[in-house]
Protein backbone atom coordinates (compact mmCIF):
# COMPACT_ATOMS: atom_id res chain seq x y z
CA MET A 1 0.00 0.00 0.00
CA LYS A 2 2.86 2.39 0.90
CA SER A 3 4.46 1.68 -2.46
CA LEU A 4 1.24 2.53 -4.29
CA ILE A 5 0.92 5.86 -2.42
CA LYS A 6 4.54 6.74 -3.20
CA LYS A 7 4.08 5.94 -6.90
CA ALA A 8 0.87 7.97 -7.07
CA THR A 9 2.66 10.88 -5.37
CA MET A 10 5.50 10.72 -7.92
CA VAL A 11 3.07 10.67 -10.86
CA ALA A 12 1.19 13.68 -9.40
CA LEU A 13 4.46 15.53 -8.83
CA MET A 14 5.61 14.96 -12.41
CA ALA A 15 2.26 16.05 -13.82
CA ALA A 16 2.32 19.23 -11.73
CA VAL A 17 5.82 20.32 -12.76
CA MET A 18 5.49 19.81 -16.51
CA PRO A 19 3.47 22.78 -17.80
CA ALA A 20 2.71 22.90 -21.52
CA GLN A 21 4.05 26.39 -22.21
CA ALA A 22 4.38 29.68 -20.34
CA ALA A 23 1.57 32.02 -21.32
CA ILE A 24 2.89 35.21 -19.68
CA GLN A 25 5.19 37.15 -21.98
CA SER A 26 7.40 39.97 -20.69
CA TRP A 27 8.99 42.41 -23.11
CA ASN A 28 11.31 45.43 -23.03
CA MET A 29 11.12 48.36 -25.42
CA SER A 30 13.44 51.25 -26.16
CA GLY A 31 14.27 53.90 -28.71
CA ALA A 32 15.12 57.53 -29.32
CA VAL A 33 13.35 60.43 -30.99
CA ASP A 34 14.95 61.17 -34.36
CA SER A 35 12.94 64.25 -35.41
CA GLY A 36 11.31 67.35 -34.01
CA TYR A 37 11.73 69.33 -30.82
CA TYR A 38 12.67 66.33 -28.66
CA ASN A 39 15.26 64.98 -31.13
CA GLY A 40 17.71 62.70 -29.27
CA THR A 41 15.43 62.11 -26.26
CA SER A 42 15.36 58.45 -25.33
CA TYR A 43 12.49 56.31 -24.09
CA SER A 44 12.25 52.84 -22.67
CA GLY A 45 9.88 50.55 -20.85
CA GLN A 46 8.68 47.09 -19.94
CA PHE A 47 5.32 45.39 -20.33
CA SER A 48 3.73 41.97 -20.02
CA PHE A 49 0.61 40.16 -21.15
CA ASP A 50 -0.96 36.71 -21.11
CA ASP A 51 -1.11 35.19 -24.59
CA ALA A 52 -2.86 31.95 -23.54
CA GLY A 53 -5.98 32.78 -25.58
CA LEU A 54 -4.09 33.67 -28.77
CA LEU A 55 -5.62 31.95 -31.80
CA SER A 56 -2.88 32.94 -34.33
CA SER A 57 -5.42 33.97 -36.95
CA GLY A 58 -6.16 37.49 -38.17
CA THR A 59 -5.68 40.59 -36.03
CA GLU A 60 -5.81 39.89 -32.30
CA LEU A 61 -5.63 42.40 -29.42
CA ILE A 62 -4.58 41.44 -25.89
CA ASN A 63 -4.81 43.81 -22.89
CA LEU A 64 -1.50 44.39 -21.13
CA SER A 65 -1.26 43.16 -17.55
CA SER A 66 1.61 45.54 -16.71
CA LEU A 67 3.25 48.53 -18.39
CA GLN A 68 6.02 50.93 -17.36
CA PHE A 69 7.17 53.53 -19.92
CA ASN A 70 9.73 56.33 -19.46
CA PHE A 71 9.98 59.23 -21.89
CA GLY A 72 12.69 61.72 -21.01
CA SER A 73 12.29 62.25 -17.26
CA THR A 74 8.59 61.29 -17.06
CA SER A 75 7.23 57.85 -16.16
CA PHE A 76 3.95 56.45 -17.45
CA ASP A 77 2.04 53.27 -16.58
CA LEU A 78 -1.37 51.66 -17.01
CA ASN A 79 -2.85 54.24 -14.58
CA THR A 80 -1.84 57.15 -16.84
CA PRO A 81 -4.92 58.72 -18.49
CA ALA A 82 -4.87 57.37 -22.03
CA LEU A 83 -7.11 57.52 -25.09
CA ALA A 84 -7.65 53.73 -24.94
CA ASP A 85 -6.39 50.63 -23.16
CA ALA A 86 -2.81 49.55 -23.84
CA LEU A 87 -2.91 46.53 -26.15
CA ALA A 88 -0.47 43.97 -27.51
CA VAL A 89 -1.29 43.51 -31.20
CA PHE A 90 -0.81 40.30 -33.15
CA GLN A 91 -1.27 39.68 -36.87
CA ASP A 92 -1.71 35.98 -37.71
CA GLY A 93 0.08 35.05 -34.48
CA VAL A 94 3.02 37.45 -35.01
CA PHE A 95 3.55 40.16 -32.37
CA THR A 96 3.55 43.55 -34.17
CA GLY A 97 3.88 45.87 -31.16
CA ILE A 98 2.00 47.86 -28.56
CA GLU A 99 -0.92 50.14 -29.38
CA TRP A 100 -1.22 52.90 -26.76
CA SER A 101 -1.83 56.66 -26.92
CA VAL A 102 -1.54 59.21 -24.12
CA ASP A 103 -3.39 62.50 -24.70
CA ALA A 104 -1.38 65.74 -25.06
CA THR A 105 -3.51 67.67 -22.54
CA ASN A 106 -2.48 65.69 -19.47
CA PRO A 107 0.52 65.63 -19.38
CA ALA A 108 1.47 68.51 -21.72
CA ILE A 109 3.10 66.00 -24.07
CA GLY A 110 1.15 63.22 -25.70
CA PHE A 111 2.55 60.24 -27.48
CA SER A 112 1.57 57.05 -29.24
CA LEU A 113 3.22 53.67 -29.49
CA ILE A 114 2.34 52.51 -32.99
CA VAL A 115 2.38 48.89 -34.09
CA GLY A 116 4.20 47.61 -37.14
CA TRP A 117 2.42 46.57 -40.32
CA SER A 118 3.75 43.04 -40.52
CA ASP A 119 6.08 42.64 -37.51
CA ILE A 120 7.76 44.61 -34.73
CA SER A 121 10.49 46.00 -37.00
CA ASP A 122 7.92 48.46 -38.43
CA ALA A 123 6.76 49.75 -35.02
CA TYR A 124 7.50 53.35 -34.00
CA PHE A 125 6.94 56.09 -31.43
CA ALA A 126 5.31 59.46 -32.21
CA TYR A 127 4.72 62.49 -29.99
CA ASP A 128 2.80 65.76 -30.06
CA THR A 129 2.77 68.57 -27.51
CA SER A 130 0.08 71.05 -26.54
CA LEU A 131 2.36 73.71 -28.08
CA GLY A 132 2.27 71.99 -31.46
CA PHE A 133 5.71 70.35 -31.45
CA SER A 134 5.74 66.88 -32.93
CA GLY A 135 8.14 64.18 -34.01
CA ALA A 136 8.79 60.47 -34.13
CA GLY A 137 11.40 57.84 -33.41
CA ASN A 138 12.28 54.20 -33.74
CA LEU A 139 10.92 51.60 -31.34
CA THR A 140 12.72 48.36 -30.58
CA TYR A 141 11.11 45.43 -28.75
CA THR A 142 13.02 42.59 -27.09
CA LEU A 143 11.57 39.57 -25.31
CA SER A 144 12.72 39.36 -21.68
CA ALA A 145 14.61 36.24 -20.68
CA VAL A 146 12.22 33.87 -18.93
CA PRO A 147 13.27 30.45 -17.63
CA GLU A 148 11.97 27.66 -19.82
CA PRO A 149 9.23 25.61 -18.16
CA THR A 150 11.05 22.40 -19.05
CA GLN A 151 14.16 23.53 -17.16
CA SER A 152 12.11 24.38 -14.06
CA GLY A 153 10.18 21.14 -14.41
CA LEU A 154 13.34 19.07 -14.66
CA MET A 155 14.80 20.79 -11.62
CA LEU A 156 11.66 20.20 -9.54
CA MET A 157 11.44 16.60 -10.73
CA GLY A 158 15.08 16.06 -9.71
CA LEU A 159 14.42 17.52 -6.27
CA GLY A 160 11.34 15.32 -5.90
CA LEU A 161 13.36 12.26 -6.90
CA MET A 162 16.06 13.13 -4.37
CA GLY A 163 13.39 13.50 -1.68
CA TYR A 164 11.90 10.14 -2.65
CA ILE A 165 15.30 8.44 -2.48
CA ALA A 166 16.04 10.04 0.93
CA ALA A 167 12.66 8.94 2.29
CA ARG A 168 13.21 5.44 0.97
CA ARG A 169 16.66 5.17 2.58
CA GLN A 170 15.29 6.46 5.86
CA ALA A 171 12.49 3.85 5.81
CA LYS A 172 15.03 0.98 5.51
């Protein structure tokens, strides 16, 4: 009976530590204005979203679960008054960028993160101020390093196996 319980525990442990695929994606973005009044001003940020429901067909929009964006010396996040929700945009399963616009009235500078046409290499940043200054710049996205589920699963399975062996030795 003890043997059956131990085997069932091992099977449950292995099933629990072998997820199919991580659904949370975390990205970094950066760039610099290359035209207009703010020429040379840099911007950067991080964001994440859950792509578990992605169908990989047509245009798909996913709400961001977190967003931090810095332009010059000002920080923005999902609580910043915006014209619409911040969205990750996919075209036929390919990430094309973030769609998000902050109005120029609050703060005095507004900006938009504009998605690419076919992939993230076409994405860009554009700004406009309440004084009428405007410009644009490049936008680069990079996927944050996330541990692979299989590596974590193998590590947990190894620890479970070591625990099983230790318990077995102690029982003898």
